[in-house]
C-alpha atoms as a PDB file:
ATOM      1  CA  MET A   1      83.088  20.932  12.141  1.00  0.00           C
ATOM      2  CA  LYS A   2      86.044  20.883  14.562  1.00  0.00           C
ATOM      3  CA  PHE A   3      85.836  21.306  18.321  1.00  0.00           C
ATOM      4  CA  PRO A   4      88.548  21.678  20.979  1.00  0.00           C
ATOM      5  CA  ASN A   5      89.574  18.459  22.700  1.00  0.00           C
ATOM      6  CA  ASP A   6      88.279  19.193  26.208  1.00  0.00           C
ATOM      7  CA  THR A   7      85.075  18.716  28.169  1.00  0.00           C
ATOM      8  CA  ASP A   8      83.279  21.676  26.592  1.00  0.00           C
ATOM      9  CA  GLY A   9      84.461  20.848  23.095  1.00  0.00           C
ATOM     10  CA  ASN A  10      83.424  17.230  23.511  1.00  0.00           C
ATOM     11  CA  ALA A  11      79.957  18.267  24.706  1.00  0.00           C
ATOM     12  CA  LEU A  12      79.542  20.577  21.706  1.00  0.00           C
ATOM     13  CA  HIS A  13      80.728  17.845  19.356  1.00  0.00           C
ATOM     14  CA  SER A  14      78.208  15.426  20.836  1.00  0.00           C
ATOM     15  CA  LEU A  15      75.360  17.939  20.449  1.00  0.00           C
ATOM     16  CA  TYR A  16      76.433  18.615  16.863  1.00  0.00           C
ATOM     17  CA  LYS A  17      76.528  14.884  16.078  1.00  0.00           C
ATOM     18  CA  ASP A  18      73.035  14.539  17.577  1.00  0.00           C
ATOM     19  CA  GLY A  19      71.808  17.096  15.052  1.00  0.00           C
ATOM     20  CA  LEU A  20      71.487  20.234  17.181  1.00  0.00           C
ATOM     21  CA  ASP A  21      71.638  23.345  14.994  1.00  0.00           C
ATOM     22  CA  LEU A  22      74.576  25.321  16.435  1.00  0.00           C
ATOM     23  CA  LYS A  23      73.609  28.326  14.307  1.00  0.00           C
ATOM     24  CA  LYS A  24      70.338  28.692  16.202  1.00  0.00           C
ATOM     25  CA  GLN A  25      70.166  30.328  19.650  1.00  0.00           C
ATOM     26  CA  GLN A  26      69.511  27.970  22.529  1.00  0.00           C
ATOM     27  CA  SER A  27      68.667  28.450  26.178  1.00  0.00           C
ATOM     28  CA  ILE A  28      71.869  27.420  27.952  1.00  0.00           C
ATOM     29  CA  ASP A  29      71.882  26.585  31.659  1.00  0.00           C
ATOM     30  CA  PHE A  30      75.096  27.305  33.550  1.00  0.00           C
ATOM     31  CA  PHE A  31      75.594  25.761  36.963  1.00  0.00           C
ATOM     32  CA  VAL A  32      77.477  27.354  39.851  1.00  0.00           C
ATOM     33  CA  ALA A  33      78.137  25.180  42.888  1.00  0.00           C
ATOM     34  CA  VAL A  34      77.800  26.984  46.223  1.00  0.00           C
ATOM     35  CA  PRO A  35      78.559  25.776  49.748  1.00  0.00           C
ATOM     36  CA  ASN A  36      75.099  26.489  51.225  1.00  0.00           C
ATOM     37  CA  LYS A  37      71.719  28.144  50.718  1.00  0.00           C
ATOM     38  CA  ALA A  38      72.694  31.507  52.232  1.00  0.00           C
ATOM     39  CA  THR A  39      75.712  31.809  49.939  1.00  0.00           C
ATOM     40  CA  GLY A  40      73.575  30.781  46.983  1.00  0.00           C
ATOM     41  CA  GLU A  41      71.037  33.509  47.761  1.00  0.00           C
ATOM     42  CA  LYS A  42      73.813  36.130  47.919  1.00  0.00           C
ATOM     43  CA  LEU A  43      75.355  34.873  44.696  1.00  0.00           C
ATOM     44  CA  SER A  44      71.976  34.816  42.940  1.00  0.00           C
ATOM     45  CA  GLN A  45      71.631  38.536  43.604  1.00  0.00           C
ATOM     46  CA  VAL A  46      75.142  39.205  42.241  1.00  0.00           C
ATOM     47  CA  LEU A  47      74.429  37.150  39.121  1.00  0.00           C
ATOM     48  CA  LYS A  48      71.047  38.783  38.538  1.00  0.00           C
ATOM     49  CA  ALA A  49      72.761  42.195  38.711  1.00  0.00           C
ATOM     50  CA  GLU A  50      75.096  40.919  35.963  1.00  0.00           C
ATOM     51  CA  GLY A  51      72.123  40.107  33.734  1.00  0.00           C
ATOM     52  CA  PHE A  52      71.757  36.383  34.370  1.00  0.00           C
ATOM     53  CA  ASN A  53      68.391  34.747  34.940  1.00  0.00           C
ATOM     54  CA  CYS A  54      69.045  32.455  37.860  1.00  0.00           C
ATOM     55  CA  PHE A  55      67.485  30.411  40.590  1.00  0.00           C
ATOM     56  CA  LEU A  56      68.806  28.405  43.501  1.00  0.00           C
ATOM     57  CA  GLU A  57      68.155  24.718  43.997  1.00  0.00           C
ATOM     58  CA  GLN A  58      69.315  21.850  46.145  1.00  0.00           C
ATOM     59  CA  ASP A  59      70.056  18.421  44.701  1.00  0.00           C
ATOM     60  CA  ASP A  60      67.708  15.869  46.256  1.00  0.00           C
ATOM     61  CA  GLU A  61      70.330  13.121  46.374  1.00  0.00           C
ATOM     62  CA  THR A  62      73.555  14.935  47.282  1.00  0.00           C
ATOM     63  CA  GLU A  63      71.894  17.873  49.115  1.00  0.00           C
ATOM     64  CA  GLU A  64      74.432  20.187  47.428  1.00  0.00           C
ATOM     65  CA  TRP A  65      73.326  23.686  46.445  1.00  0.00           C
ATOM     66  CA  VAL A  66      73.649  25.151  42.963  1.00  0.00           C
ATOM     67  CA  CYS A  67      72.755  28.428  41.283  1.00  0.00           C
ATOM     68  CA  CYS A  68      71.298  27.697  37.872  1.00  0.00           C
ATOM     69  CA  CYS A  69      71.798  30.572  35.464  1.00  0.00           C
ATOM     70  CA  SER A  70      70.310  30.684  32.008  1.00  0.00           C
ATOM     71  CA  ASN A  71      71.312  32.659  28.978  1.00  0.00           C
ATOM     72  CA  ARG A  72      69.881  32.556  25.452  1.00  0.00           C
ATOM     73  CA  MET A  73      72.786  32.399  23.010  1.00  0.00           C
ATOM     74  CA  LEU A  74      74.504  30.500  20.249  1.00  0.00           C
ATOM     75  CA  LEU A  75      76.402  27.428  21.358  1.00  0.00           C
ATOM     76  CA  ASN A  76      79.833  28.904  20.703  1.00  0.00           C
ATOM     77  CA  TYR A  77      82.852  27.374  22.425  1.00  0.00           C
ATOM     78  CA  ASN A  78      84.633  30.672  23.131  1.00  0.00           C
ATOM     79  CA  GLU A  79      81.473  32.267  24.533  1.00  0.00           C
ATOM     80  CA  LEU A  80      80.775  29.255  26.745  1.00  0.00           C
ATOM     81  CA  ILE A  81      84.295  29.479  28.181  1.00  0.00           C
ATOM     82  CA  LYS A  82      84.009  33.248  28.633  1.00  0.00           C
ATOM     83  CA  ILE A  83      80.749  32.928  30.582  1.00  0.00           C
ATOM     84  CA  GLN A  84      82.068  30.084  32.751  1.00  0.00           C
ATOM     85  CA  ASN A  85      85.160  32.159  33.571  1.00  0.00           C
ATOM     86  CA  LYS A  86      82.954  35.131  34.459  1.00  0.00           C
ATOM     87  CA  LEU A  87      80.802  32.927  36.707  1.00  0.00           C
ATOM     88  CA  ASN A  88      83.971  31.647  38.388  1.00  0.00           C
ATOM     89  CA  ASP A  89      85.236  35.191  38.954  1.00  0.00           C
ATOM     90  CA  LEU A  90      81.902  36.313  40.427  1.00  0.00           C
ATOM     91  CA  SER A  91      81.341  33.246  42.599  1.00  0.00           C
ATOM     92  CA  LYS A  92      84.857  32.572  43.892  1.00  0.00           C
ATOM     93  CA  PRO A  93      84.784  35.335  46.559  1.00  0.00           C
ATOM     94  CA  LEU A  94      81.658  33.653  47.983  1.00  0.00           C
ATOM     95  CA  GLY A  95      83.123  30.140  47.905  1.00  0.00           C
ATOM     96  CA  GLY A  96      81.397  29.028  44.705  1.00  0.00           C
ATOM     97  CA  PHE A  97      82.651  27.791  41.363  1.00  0.00           C
ATOM     98  CA  SER A  98      81.364  27.244  37.852  1.00  0.00           C
ATOM     99  CA  ASP A  99      80.263  23.635  37.544  1.00  0.00           C
ATOM    100  CA  GLY A 100      79.387  23.174  33.878  1.00  0.00           C
ATOM    101  CA  TRP A 101      76.532  23.905  31.523  1.00  0.00           C
ATOM    102  CA  GLY A 102      73.738  22.159  29.729  1.00  0.00           C
ATOM    103  CA  VAL A 103      71.131  22.672  27.066  1.00  0.00           C
ATOM    104  CA  PHE A 104      67.684  21.109  26.802  1.00  0.00           C
ATOM    105  CA  VAL A 105      67.382  19.268  23.508  1.00  0.00           C
ATOM    106  CA  ASP A 106      63.952  18.295  22.159  1.00  0.00           C
END
């Protein structure tokens, strides 16, 4: 299987090599960095209205805030990019930005 040569493609390739079934839906976590708690709370409401399940958390070490949004889907490169672009578009007016994604692997 071929993957684009960028951060997202490399992550997918690594998951594929580790044996993750890319034809099976996974719960994907998307991360949106926000400047502070108040902004994160506003953004969480915007993202929930767009159909994302999300919660706000602060990193214990860096004290940075992030909205964690989950979506159950296939790990498809084009869809991952599309969602990250949408998260960027929705968060940019509030000072946030899409900051990657992850999947829990058993």
